[in-house]
Amino acid sequence: MKRWTCYVAVAVAASVLLGTADTAMAQQPDRMQWWREARFGLFIHWGPVSLKGTEIGWSRGGERRGTGGAPGQIPVDVYDNLYKEFNPVEFNAKEWAEIAKQAGMKYLVFTTRHHDGFSMFDTAQSDYKVTNSPFKRDVVAELAQACHEAGIRLGFYYSPPDWHHPDYRTESHARFIEYLHGQARELCTKYGQLDIFWFDGLGGTVKDWDSKNLVAMIRQLQPNIIVNNRAGLPEDHDTPAQTVGTFQRTRAWETCMTIGDQWAWKPKDRVKSLKQCLDVLIRCAGGDGNLLFNVGPMPDGRIEGRMVSRLAEMGGWLKQYGETIYGTRGGPFKPGTWGASTCKGDKVYVHILDWKAIDSSWRLPKIDARIKDASLLTGGKAKVRQTRKGIKLDVSATARQDIDTIVVLTLDRPAFDVPPVAVADVKSKAAGVTASNVFQNMSEYAADMAFDDDPGSRWATDGGTRKAWLAVRLKKPEMFGAVHIREACGSRVQSFAIEYLKGKEWIPCCQGKTIGEDFKAKFPPVKAREFRLNILDATEGPTLWEFRLLPPTK
């Protein structure tokens, strides 16, 4: 049987298609309204690779044309034949939709085809598909029906790159484009209403995928669809991965993040705590973004019980405090280590997530509005004092919640109209932030990510890095006597020093071995203009969520 066939579409003038796309873009605010209000969706990465428990796509050996990098650990002939053993008899699409619903999620995005080229739907473009596995059923069809019946908005993840296709990025790439557009047309015509098309183009260009015509076709077939920014075009929203996006009201964004460490199912994967999960959700909403939270089902088709339980716990919290998330906008207080804020109508919901980041002198900055009333949504009482210097929140120790303490401020004007403000941190005093190494020179992992008071962003270094430094130069000399460091990806750092520059010499003021997820230390007060974290030894490329220098404690 011939594995690959070409799709011949009905010819449509490009000008007509592009005109349709322009009209759709003009209607963007209308189609985006439900999505902004939803705030929370379920991402699902699944395929035959779950039989191995390794990462989807990336664990496949062989050449990655157009992408490069070391091949995955599973030989091509093994990976590409896993589907012959794939028989997830416990798969129940209605159960998946119910899991999303109980978690408080409003939409679901499923991997119809990943970079490995395996289609989880009954495509006519290829024989490399789930209906040719022992399972034989069209997973996408069943999931689409379940979502429609449950009232869950439906989205399809689709990878333009296909490392399995023989024509991909070869002299016959034009034939591959026909295949790609053919599959997109199938996804938009075979499964009813489609709300989201979620590309993952790995940095590919508009030319690589003929994206203008591709997206125009999709919008013609599904006029109200939302399309992300990963096919070489900006389209409707940005997609930061495995990190909380920065505060941004001018353009929609959605963080995609795993509930564990891997997108696909991994045996004994480390599942995030309820506190960690809600922190991410709240900080996304506080930054005016959405959260697309990922699980990877097991080879038998079930979503692992501990992941289901964690999602249900999130849903329980949202049933109680969902008014502070759903239908809100981010701000006016920008997210920081302390927490985040959301707003709706004349209400501001101040989410205090980390009381350790707050001392007796801490206050919210002043805003261009008068506070008419204040209350504590999570129980107890709060005293709020608004002065020319800012807003002082006094919450008794007994009313401080470990997960989230929510203070509700009622203003004398619409809260979203209040200009956003940020709590002062080290970065606001900095003249420059530098690092010896940044992961692939990518801006989302730059040095200043460790100084932005945003626990969802991080500084990262290239793989194999054993020594590195991270430095901040202040606008003027400042006095510090303590440090708080949050390391990402475990305890890679094995030896380090906090140093300040005196003349031309770096002088250590604090030294240690491991850092870990929550390192805090005091040191004799030092007044200087330049400080750095000097990592002397690491098991792998160091990466930090936050590096905070703090004033001496009294």
Protein backbone atom coordinates (compact mmCIF):
# COMPACT_ATOMS: atom_id res chain seq x y z
CA MET A 1 0.00 0.00 0.00
CA LYS A 2 1.33 3.42 -0.90
CA ARG A 3 2.04 5.28 2.30
CA TRP A 4 1.85 8.85 1.01
CA THR A 5 -0.77 10.37 -1.28
CA CYS A 6 -1.09 13.92 -2.54
CA TYR A 7 -4.13 16.01 -1.83
CA VAL A 8 -5.63 17.86 -4.78
CA ALA A 9 -7.76 20.75 -3.53
CA VAL A 10 -10.41 22.63 -5.42
CA ALA A 11 -8.64 25.66 -6.90
CA VAL A 12 -9.49 28.88 -5.12
CA ALA A 13 -7.98 32.20 -6.08
CA ALA A 14 -5.34 33.31 -3.60
CA SER A 15 -6.80 36.79 -3.56
CA VAL A 16 -10.15 35.40 -2.39
CA LEU A 17 -8.51 33.36 0.34
CA LEU A 18 -6.39 36.25 1.55
CA GLY A 19 -9.43 38.51 1.49
CA THR A 20 -11.18 36.04 3.78
CA ALA A 21 -8.18 36.12 6.12
CA ASP A 22 -8.22 39.94 6.23
CA THR A 23 -11.90 39.91 7.12
CA ALA A 24 -11.28 37.35 9.85
CA MET A 25 -8.49 39.44 11.34
CA ALA A 26 -10.78 42.47 11.41
CA GLN A 27 -13.23 40.41 13.48
CA GLN A 28 -10.54 39.26 15.91
CA PRO A 29 -11.84 40.96 19.08
CA ASP A 30 -15.22 39.24 18.70
CA ARG A 31 -13.86 35.74 18.19
CA MET A 32 -11.28 36.18 20.97
CA GLN A 33 -13.77 37.22 23.64
CA TRP A 34 -14.74 33.72 24.78
CA TRP A 35 -11.08 32.67 24.78
CA ARG A 36 -9.99 35.59 26.95
CA GLU A 37 -12.81 34.90 29.38
CA ALA A 38 -12.02 31.17 29.51
CA ARG A 39 -8.45 31.63 30.81
CA PHE A 40 -7.88 27.87 31.30
CA GLY A 41 -7.62 24.98 28.84
CA LEU A 42 -6.41 21.38 28.67
CA PHE A 43 -3.52 20.43 26.37
CA ILE A 44 -3.09 16.72 25.52
CA HIS A 45 0.02 15.19 23.93
CA TRP A 46 -0.55 11.55 23.01
CA GLY A 47 0.56 8.95 20.52
CA PRO A 48 2.20 5.51 20.17
CA VAL A 49 5.37 6.87 21.82
CA SER A 50 3.52 6.55 25.15
CA LEU A 51 4.41 2.84 24.90
CA LYS A 52 8.02 3.87 25.56
CA GLY A 53 7.30 6.63 28.07
CA THR A 54 9.65 9.01 26.26
CA GLU A 55 9.02 12.45 24.78
CA ILE A 56 6.74 12.69 21.78
CA GLY A 57 8.60 13.48 18.56
CA TRP A 58 11.86 14.49 20.19
CA SER A 59 12.80 10.97 21.31
CA ARG A 60 12.67 9.73 17.71
CA GLY A 61 16.10 8.99 16.27
CA GLY A 62 17.19 9.97 12.80
CA GLU A 63 17.52 13.20 10.89
CA ARG A 64 15.51 16.29 11.79
CA ARG A 65 15.60 18.23 8.55
CA GLY A 66 15.28 21.95 9.13
CA THR A 67 15.62 21.61 12.88
CA GLY A 68 18.92 19.91 13.64
CA GLY A 69 20.04 18.82 17.06
CA ALA A 70 21.04 15.43 18.36
CA PRO A 71 18.71 12.57 17.37
CA GLY A 72 16.43 11.04 19.98
CA GLN A 73 17.17 7.87 21.91
CA ILE A 74 14.71 5.57 20.11
CA PRO A 75 15.97 4.24 16.75
CA VAL A 76 13.88 5.33 13.78
CA ASP A 77 12.87 1.80 12.80
CA VAL A 78 11.63 1.19 16.35
CA TYR A 79 9.88 4.54 16.85
CA ASP A 80 8.14 4.53 13.47
CA ASN A 81 6.70 1.07 14.09
CA LEU A 82 5.36 1.63 17.59
CA TYR A 83 1.91 2.24 16.12
CA LYS A 84 1.74 -1.46 15.21
CA GLU A 85 1.57 -2.16 18.96
CA PHE A 86 -0.63 0.79 19.88
CA ASN A 87 -3.99 -0.42 21.21
CA PRO A 88 -5.31 1.94 23.93
CA VAL A 89 -8.44 -0.01 24.77
CA GLU A 90 -9.17 2.09 27.87
CA PHE A 91 -9.47 5.32 25.87
CA ASN A 92 -12.74 7.07 26.61
CA ALA A 93 -13.15 10.49 25.03
CA LYS A 94 -16.11 11.35 27.26
CA GLU A 95 -13.98 10.74 30.34
CA TRP A 96 -11.30 13.10 29.01
CA ALA A 97 -13.88 15.82 28.38
CA GLU A 98 -15.29 15.32 31.86
CA ILE A 99 -11.81 15.55 33.40
CA ALA A 100 -11.35 18.91 31.67
CA LYS A 101 -14.76 20.08 32.83
CA GLN A 102 -14.16 19.07 36.45
CA ALA A 103 -10.84 20.93 36.36
CA GLY A 104 -12.64 24.13 35.42
CA MET A 105 -11.12 24.12 31.93
CA LYS A 106 -13.15 25.71 29.17
CA TYR A 107 -11.35 24.35 26.11
CA LEU A 108 -9.22 21.39 25.02
CA VAL A 109 -6.38 21.20 22.47
CA PHE A 110 -5.27 17.77 21.21
CA THR A 111 -2.19 16.72 19.21
CA THR A 112 -3.62 15.56 15.91
CA ARG A 113 -0.11 15.15 14.50
CA HIS A 114 3.24 15.90 16.13
CA HIS A 115 6.71 16.34 14.57
CA ASP A 116 7.03 12.54 14.33
CA GLY A 117 4.44 12.53 11.54
CA PHE A 118 1.97 10.09 13.10
CA SER A 119 -1.65 11.17 12.59
CA MET A 120 -4.09 10.51 15.42
CA PHE A 121 -6.99 10.88 13.00
CA ASP A 122 -8.24 9.03 9.92
CA THR A 123 -6.42 11.08 7.31
CA ALA A 124 -6.63 10.28 3.62
CA GLN A 125 -3.18 11.79 3.08
CA SER A 126 -1.14 9.04 4.73
CA ASP A 127 -1.23 5.45 5.89
CA TYR A 128 0.84 6.37 8.95
CA LYS A 129 -2.19 6.90 11.17
CA VAL A 130 -4.06 5.65 14.19
CA THR A 131 -6.75 3.86 12.16
CA ASN A 132 -4.04 1.58 10.82
CA SER A 133 -2.98 0.63 14.35
CA PRO A 134 -4.53 -2.33 16.22
CA PHE A 135 -6.86 0.26 17.83
CA LYS A 136 -8.30 1.24 14.42
CA ARG A 137 -10.52 4.02 15.87
CA ASP A 138 -10.34 7.72 14.94
CA VAL A 139 -9.29 9.31 18.24
CA VAL A 140 -9.85 12.84 16.97
CA ALA A 141 -13.41 12.06 15.84
CA GLU A 142 -14.35 10.60 19.21
CA LEU A 143 -12.74 13.46 21.12
CA ALA A 144 -14.39 16.09 18.93
CA GLN A 145 -17.81 14.56 19.55
CA ALA A 146 -17.19 14.32 23.30
CA CYS A 147 -16.11 17.97 23.54
CA HIS A 148 -19.08 19.18 21.52
CA GLU A 149 -21.47 17.23 23.74
CA ALA A 150 -19.79 18.46 26.94
CA GLY A 151 -19.71 22.12 25.89
CA ILE A 152 -15.91 22.17 25.85
CA ARG A 153 -14.39 24.34 23.10
CA LEU A 154 -12.25 22.24 20.74
CA GLY A 155 -8.75 22.89 19.45
CA PHE A 156 -6.37 20.91 17.26
CA TYR A 157 -2.60 21.00 17.68
CA TYR A 158 -0.91 20.38 14.34
CA SER A 159 2.80 20.31 13.56
CA PRO A 160 3.80 21.69 10.14
CA PRO A 161 7.20 19.93 10.47
CA ASP A 162 7.03 16.19 9.76
CA TRP A 163 10.29 14.31 10.24
CA HIS A 164 8.71 11.13 8.92
CA HIS A 165 7.47 12.43 5.55
CA PRO A 166 9.86 11.59 2.67
CA ASP A 167 9.27 14.93 0.89
CA TYR A 168 9.71 17.17 3.92
CA ARG A 169 12.39 19.84 3.27
CA THR A 170 13.67 18.07 0.15
CA GLU A 171 13.53 19.00 -3.52
CA SER A 172 9.96 17.69 -3.40
CA HIS A 173 8.90 20.00 -0.55
CA ALA A 174 6.12 21.43 -2.74
CA ARG A 175 4.50 18.00 -2.65
CA PHE A 176 4.83 18.04 1.13
CA ILE A 177 3.00 21.39 1.22
CA GLU A 178 0.09 19.77 -0.65
CA TYR A 179 0.01 17.03 1.99
CA LEU A 180 0.15 19.56 4.83
CA HIS A 181 -2.65 21.72 3.43
CA GLY A 182 -4.66 18.58 2.69
CA GLN A 183 -4.49 17.45 6.31
CA ALA A 184 -5.42 20.93 7.56
CA ARG A 185 -8.46 20.89 5.27
CA GLU A 186 -9.49 17.49 6.65
CA LEU A 187 -9.22 18.70 10.22
CA CYS A 188 -11.38 21.72 9.39
CA THR A 189 -14.09 19.79 7.53
CA LYS A 190 -14.47 16.36 9.13
CA TYR A 191 -15.00 17.11 12.83
CA GLY A 192 -17.63 19.82 13.16
CA GLN A 193 -17.01 23.19 14.76
CA LEU A 194 -13.35 23.83 15.45
CA ASP A 195 -12.48 26.71 17.76
CA ILE A 196 -8.66 26.67 17.80
CA PHE A 197 -5.94 25.71 15.33
CA TRP A 198 -2.70 25.40 17.27
CA PHE A 199 0.36 25.23 15.00
CA ASP A 200 3.84 24.20 16.20
CA GLY A 201 6.13 25.21 13.36
CA LEU A 202 9.49 25.11 15.18
CA GLY A 203 10.42 28.54 13.86
CA GLY A 204 9.48 27.78 10.26
CA THR A 205 8.73 30.68 7.93
CA VAL A 206 5.65 31.69 5.98
CA LYS A 207 7.30 30.29 2.85
CA ASP A 208 8.07 26.96 4.52
CA TRP A 209 4.38 26.17 4.97
CA ASP A 210 2.77 28.55 2.44
CA SER A 211 1.19 29.92 5.59
CA LYS A 212 -0.78 32.80 4.10
CA ASN A 213 -2.81 30.47 1.93
CA LEU A 214 -2.89 27.80 4.64
CA VAL A 215 -4.35 30.10 7.29
CA ALA A 216 -6.69 31.75 4.79
CA MET A 217 -8.10 28.32 3.91
CA ILE A 218 -8.53 27.44 7.58
CA ARG A 219 -10.35 30.70 8.27
CA GLN A 220 -12.58 30.24 5.24
CA LEU A 221 -13.60 26.77 6.45
CA GLN A 222 -13.90 27.77 10.13
CA PRO A 223 -14.61 31.56 10.14
CA ASN A 224 -14.52 32.03 13.93
CA ILE A 225 -11.40 29.98 14.56
CA ILE A 226 -8.50 31.20 16.71
CA VAL A 227 -5.01 30.60 15.30
CA ASN A 228 -1.75 30.90 17.21
CA ASN A 229 1.59 32.40 16.13
CA ARG A 230 3.62 29.31 15.26
CA ALA A 231 3.27 29.08 11.50
CA GLY A 232 5.34 32.13 10.63
CA LEU A 233 2.44 34.58 11.02
CA PRO A 234 1.49 36.53 14.17
CA GLU A 235 -2.24 35.69 13.93
CA ASP A 236 -4.24 35.83 17.19
CA HIS A 237 -1.97 35.12 20.15
CA ASP A 238 1.54 34.40 21.42
CA THR A 239 2.58 31.05 22.91
CA PRO A 240 5.29 31.06 25.59
CA ALA A 241 6.17 27.46 26.50
CA GLN A 242 7.00 26.08 29.96
CA THR A 243 7.15 29.60 31.37
CA VAL A 244 4.57 32.17 32.42
CA GLY A 245 4.35 34.97 29.87
CA THR A 246 5.25 38.50 30.83
CA PHE A 247 2.55 41.06 31.61
CA GLN A 248 1.04 42.04 28.27
CA ARG A 249 -2.35 43.61 27.62
CA THR A 250 -1.74 44.77 24.05
CA ARG A 251 -1.67 41.28 22.55
CA ALA A 252 -3.25 38.03 23.68
CA TRP A 253 -0.98 35.25 24.93
CA GLU A 254 -1.23 31.75 26.30
CA THR A 255 1.34 29.83 28.31
CA CYS A 256 1.51 26.13 27.46
CA MET A 257 2.99 24.12 30.30
CA THR A 258 3.18 20.50 31.45
CA ILE A 259 1.67 19.25 34.69
CA GLY A 260 4.83 17.14 35.03
CA ASP A 261 8.23 17.38 33.35
CA GLN A 262 7.34 15.84 29.98
CA TRP A 263 4.70 16.58 27.34
CA ALA A 264 3.99 12.92 26.62
CA TRP A 265 3.35 10.40 29.38
CA LYS A 266 6.40 9.50 31.44
CA PRO A 267 6.43 6.77 34.09
CA LYS A 268 6.83 8.25 37.57
CA ASP A 269 6.86 11.77 36.19
CA ARG A 270 7.04 14.49 38.83
CA VAL A 271 3.57 16.04 39.06
CA LYS A 272 3.38 19.66 40.16
CA SER A 273 1.84 20.35 43.56
CA LEU A 274 -1.54 22.06 43.82
CA LYS A 275 0.25 25.20 44.98
CA GLN A 276 2.52 25.16 41.91
CA CYS A 277 -0.39 24.53 39.54
CA LEU A 278 -2.51 27.34 40.92
CA ASP A 279 0.48 29.69 41.06
CA VAL A 280 0.93 29.24 37.32
CA LEU A 281 -2.77 29.71 36.54
CA ILE A 282 -3.08 32.83 38.71
CA ARG A 283 0.11 34.39 37.39
CA CYS A 284 -1.04 33.78 33.81
CA ALA A 285 -4.36 35.49 34.48
CA GLY A 286 -2.52 38.26 36.34
CA GLY A 287 -0.31 38.81 33.31
CA ASP A 288 -3.45 38.99 31.13
CA GLY A 289 -2.82 35.58 29.59
CA ASN A 290 -4.30 32.09 29.44
CA LEU A 291 -2.95 28.75 30.63
CA LEU A 292 -3.02 25.67 28.40
CA PHE A 293 -2.11 22.95 30.90
CA ASN A 294 -0.80 19.68 29.51
CA VAL A 295 -1.24 16.04 30.44
CA GLY A 296 0.07 13.00 28.59
CA PRO A 297 -2.26 9.97 28.66
CA MET A 298 -0.89 6.50 29.30
CA PRO A 299 -0.50 3.81 26.58
CA ASP A 300 -3.85 2.27 27.52
CA GLY A 301 -5.71 5.53 26.91
CA ARG A 302 -6.28 6.65 30.49
CA ILE A 303 -5.00 9.87 32.01
CA GLU A 304 -2.95 8.97 35.07
CA GLY A 305 -4.94 9.06 38.30
CA ARG A 306 -2.69 11.45 40.20
CA MET A 307 -2.89 13.93 37.32
CA VAL A 308 -6.68 13.63 37.27
CA SER A 309 -6.75 14.23 41.03
CA ARG A 310 -4.56 17.31 40.75
CA LEU A 311 -6.73 18.76 38.01
CA ALA A 312 -9.84 18.07 40.09
CA GLU A 313 -8.25 19.95 43.00
CA MET A 314 -7.69 22.91 40.71
CA GLY A 315 -11.33 22.69 39.69
CA GLY A 316 -12.37 22.69 43.33
CA TRP A 317 -10.43 25.89 43.94
CA LEU A 318 -11.94 27.48 40.83
CA LYS A 319 -15.48 26.64 41.96
CA GLN A 320 -14.78 28.72 45.05
CA TYR A 321 -12.66 31.53 43.59
CA GLY A 322 -13.25 31.35 39.83
CA GLU A 323 -14.69 34.88 39.81
CA THR A 324 -11.10 36.12 40.26
CA ILE A 325 -9.92 34.24 37.12
CA TYR A 326 -12.72 33.77 34.58
CA GLY A 327 -13.65 36.85 32.59
CA THR A 328 -10.97 38.98 34.23
CA ARG A 329 -8.12 41.00 32.78
CA GLY A 330 -4.59 41.22 34.17
CA GLY A 331 -3.55 44.05 36.46
CA PRO A 332 -3.47 46.80 37.42
CA PHE A 333 -0.69 45.52 39.72
CA LYS A 334 1.80 43.64 37.57
CA PRO A 335 2.82 40.13 38.71
CA GLY A 336 5.85 39.72 40.93
CA THR A 337 7.31 37.21 43.36
CA TRP A 338 4.66 38.35 45.85
CA GLY A 339 1.76 37.38 43.56
CA ALA A 340 -0.46 38.94 40.90
CA SER A 341 -3.71 40.82 40.39
CA THR A 342 -6.73 40.47 38.14
CA CYS A 343 -9.63 42.84 37.58
CA LYS A 344 -13.25 42.89 36.47
CA GLY A 345 -15.68 45.80 36.57
CA ASP A 346 -14.76 48.03 39.52
CA LYS A 347 -13.05 45.15 41.36
CA VAL A 348 -9.34 44.38 41.70
CA TYR A 349 -8.45 40.90 42.98
CA VAL A 350 -5.04 40.99 44.66
CA HIS A 351 -3.64 37.44 44.82
CA ILE A 352 -0.88 37.23 47.44
CA LEU A 353 0.91 34.00 46.63
CA ASP A 354 4.15 34.26 48.58
CA TRP A 355 4.10 35.92 52.00
CA LYS A 356 7.83 35.22 52.34
CA ALA A 357 8.44 37.78 49.61
CA ILE A 358 6.72 40.47 51.70
CA ASP A 359 8.23 42.30 54.66
CA SER A 360 6.79 44.92 57.02
CA SER A 361 7.68 47.76 54.66
CA TRP A 362 6.04 46.17 51.61
CA ARG A 363 3.22 47.98 49.89
CA LEU A 364 1.48 48.05 46.56
CA PRO A 365 2.33 51.10 44.46
CA LYS A 366 -0.12 53.96 44.20
CA ILE A 367 -2.78 53.85 41.51
CA ASP A 368 -4.88 56.45 39.74
CA ALA A 369 -8.09 55.47 41.52
CA ARG A 370 -9.67 55.69 44.96
CA ILE A 371 -10.33 52.51 46.92
CA LYS A 372 -13.95 52.59 48.10
CA ASP A 373 -13.99 49.25 49.89
CA ALA A 374 -11.77 46.27 50.68
CA SER A 375 -12.46 42.70 51.78
CA LEU A 376 -10.75 39.34 52.11
CA LEU A 377 -12.32 36.78 49.78
CA THR A 378 -10.41 33.87 51.31
CA GLY A 379 -11.72 34.55 54.83
CA GLY A 380 -10.79 36.88 57.67
CA LYS A 381 -10.31 40.62 57.58
CA ALA A 382 -7.85 42.91 55.86
CA LYS A 383 -6.97 46.48 56.67
CA VAL A 384 -6.18 48.55 53.63
CA ARG A 385 -4.63 52.02 53.83
CA GLN A 386 -4.26 54.11 50.71
CA THR A 387 -1.74 56.95 50.94
CA ARG A 388 0.29 59.08 48.57
CA LYS A 389 3.09 56.52 48.81
CA GLY A 390 0.99 53.52 47.91
CA ILE A 391 -1.40 50.92 49.31
CA LYS A 392 -0.64 49.14 52.56
CA LEU A 393 -2.29 45.75 53.12
CA ASP A 394 -2.47 44.40 56.66
CA VAL A 395 -3.64 40.79 56.83
CA SER A 396 -3.45 38.90 60.10
CA ALA A 397 -1.27 35.80 60.24
CA THR A 398 -4.33 33.59 60.77
CA ALA A 399 -5.94 34.90 57.58
CA ARG A 400 -2.88 34.32 55.39
CA GLN A 401 -3.46 31.33 53.14
CA ASP A 402 -0.61 29.13 51.92
CA ILE A 403 -1.99 28.76 48.41
CA ASP A 404 -3.49 32.19 47.76
CA THR A 405 -4.77 35.06 49.90
CA ILE A 406 -7.22 37.14 47.87
CA VAL A 407 -7.84 40.77 48.77
CA VAL A 408 -10.71 42.41 46.89
CA LEU A 409 -10.42 46.15 46.26
CA THR A 410 -13.47 48.05 45.01
CA LEU A 411 -12.50 51.19 43.09
CA ASP A 412 -14.31 54.38 42.14
CA ARG A 413 -13.75 53.66 38.43
CA PRO A 414 -13.45 50.65 36.08
CA ALA A 415 -10.39 48.74 37.25
CA PHE A 416 -9.15 47.93 33.75
CA ASP A 417 -8.91 51.65 32.99
CA VAL A 418 -6.32 52.11 35.74
CA PRO A 419 -2.80 52.28 34.20
CA PRO A 420 -0.77 49.17 35.17
CA VAL A 421 1.92 49.57 37.84
CA ALA A 422 4.74 47.35 39.06
CA VAL A 423 6.12 46.72 42.53
CA ALA A 424 9.71 48.00 42.76
CA ASP A 425 12.41 45.31 42.61
CA VAL A 426 16.13 45.01 41.95
CA LYS A 427 15.60 45.16 38.20
CA SER A 428 13.92 48.57 38.45
CA LYS A 429 17.11 49.86 40.06
CA ALA A 430 19.36 48.21 37.49
CA ALA A 431 21.32 49.97 34.79
CA GLY A 432 22.20 46.65 33.18
CA VAL A 433 21.87 42.90 33.58
CA THR A 434 24.31 40.51 31.92
CA ALA A 435 25.25 36.84 31.87
CA SER A 436 28.17 34.80 30.63
CA ASN A 437 25.84 32.48 28.69
CA VAL A 438 22.21 32.45 27.49
CA PHE A 439 20.48 29.37 26.13
CA GLN A 440 20.82 29.53 22.33
CA ASN A 441 20.89 33.34 22.69
CA MET A 442 17.11 33.29 23.02
CA SER A 443 15.56 36.41 24.54
CA GLU A 444 13.04 34.42 26.58
CA TYR A 445 15.97 32.96 28.56
CA ALA A 446 18.03 36.16 28.80
CA ALA A 447 19.76 37.34 31.96
CA ASP A 448 17.05 39.82 32.89
CA MET A 449 14.52 36.98 33.20
CA ALA A 450 16.08 36.19 36.59
CA PHE A 451 15.57 39.79 37.76
CA ASP A 452 12.03 40.46 36.53
CA ASP A 453 10.29 39.46 39.78
CA ASP A 454 8.27 37.01 37.69
CA PRO A 455 8.66 33.44 38.99
CA GLY A 456 7.39 32.04 35.73
CA SER A 457 10.28 33.29 33.59
CA ARG A 458 13.87 32.11 33.88
CA TRP A 459 17.46 32.66 32.85
CA ALA A 460 18.92 29.54 31.24
CA THR A 461 22.29 28.49 29.85
CA ASP A 462 23.29 26.11 27.10
CA GLY A 463 23.37 22.40 27.78
CA GLY A 464 26.73 21.22 29.05
CA THR A 465 27.57 24.53 30.72
CA ARG A 466 29.44 23.90 33.97
CA LYS A 467 30.42 27.43 34.96
CA ALA A 468 28.50 30.67 34.46
CA TRP A 469 27.83 34.05 36.01
CA LEU A 470 24.84 36.35 36.25
CA ALA A 471 25.50 40.02 37.05
CA VAL A 472 23.54 43.18 37.75
CA ARG A 473 24.87 46.75 37.58
CA LEU A 474 22.74 49.21 39.53
CA LYS A 475 22.03 52.84 38.70
CA LYS A 476 23.68 53.81 41.98
CA PRO A 477 25.27 51.95 44.92
CA GLU A 478 22.70 50.09 47.02
CA MET A 479 22.91 48.27 50.37
CA PHE A 480 22.10 44.55 50.44
CA GLY A 481 22.39 41.96 53.18
CA ALA A 482 20.39 38.96 52.00
CA VAL A 483 19.72 36.91 48.89
CA HIS A 484 16.87 34.74 47.63
CA ILE A 485 17.55 32.40 44.70
CA ARG A 486 15.12 30.00 43.05
CA GLU A 487 16.78 27.43 40.83
CA ALA A 488 14.82 25.72 38.05
CA CYS A 489 15.19 22.09 36.93
CA GLY A 490 16.39 20.67 40.23
CA SER A 491 19.73 21.30 41.94
CA ARG A 492 22.25 21.65 39.15
CA VAL A 493 24.46 24.20 40.90
CA GLN A 494 27.09 22.52 43.10
CA SER A 495 29.22 25.51 44.12
CA PHE A 496 28.61 29.26 43.94
CA ALA A 497 29.45 32.67 45.37
CA ILE A 498 27.57 35.97 45.61
CA GLU A 499 30.14 38.66 44.81
CA TYR A 500 30.34 42.44 44.60
CA LEU A 501 32.74 44.53 42.56
CA LYS A 502 35.25 46.60 44.48
CA GLY A 503 37.53 48.48 42.14
CA LYS A 504 38.41 45.82 39.58
CA GLU A 505 38.12 42.86 41.95
CA TRP A 506 35.12 40.66 42.67
CA ILE A 507 34.81 40.08 46.43
CA PRO A 508 32.64 37.20 47.77
CA CYS A 509 30.03 38.17 50.36
CA CYS A 510 28.18 34.84 50.44
CA GLN A 511 29.28 31.37 49.39
CA GLY A 512 27.61 27.99 49.23
CA LYS A 513 27.25 24.62 47.58
CA THR A 514 23.77 23.73 46.25
CA ILE A 515 21.00 26.26 45.63
CA GLY A 516 17.83 24.29 44.85
CA GLU A 517 14.29 25.56 44.52
CA ASP A 518 14.25 28.01 47.44
CA PHE A 519 17.67 29.22 48.67
CA LYS A 520 17.78 32.05 51.18
CA ALA A 521 20.77 33.44 53.07
CA LYS A 522 21.90 36.50 54.96
CA PHE A 523 25.35 38.06 54.72
CA PRO A 524 27.11 41.07 56.25
CA PRO A 525 25.61 44.21 54.65
CA VAL A 526 27.46 45.39 51.55
CA LYS A 527 26.97 48.62 49.65
CA ALA A 528 28.04 48.39 46.03
CA ARG A 529 26.91 49.14 42.50
CA GLU A 530 27.65 45.78 40.89
CA PHE A 531 26.80 42.30 42.16
CA ARG A 532 26.90 38.88 40.56
CA LEU A 533 26.10 35.25 41.15
CA ASN A 534 29.22 33.32 40.19
CA ILE A 535 28.41 29.66 39.54
CA LEU A 536 31.65 27.76 40.01
CA ASP A 537 30.38 24.26 39.30
CA ALA A 538 27.18 22.72 37.94
CA THR A 539 26.13 19.26 36.83
CA GLU A 540 24.34 20.71 33.77
CA GLY A 541 23.53 24.11 32.29
CA PRO A 542 22.41 26.31 35.21
CA THR A 543 18.96 27.88 35.03
CA LEU A 544 17.28 30.19 37.56
CA TRP A 545 13.73 31.40 38.08
CA GLU A 546 14.77 34.32 40.26
CA PHE A 547 17.85 35.98 41.74
CA ARG A 548 16.84 38.58 44.30
CA LEU A 549 19.13 40.76 46.37
CA LEU A 550 17.42 42.03 49.51
CA PRO A 551 18.09 44.85 51.96
CA PRO A 552 19.63 43.93 55.33
CA THR A 553 17.02 42.75 57.81
CA LYS A 554 16.71 44.68 61.06
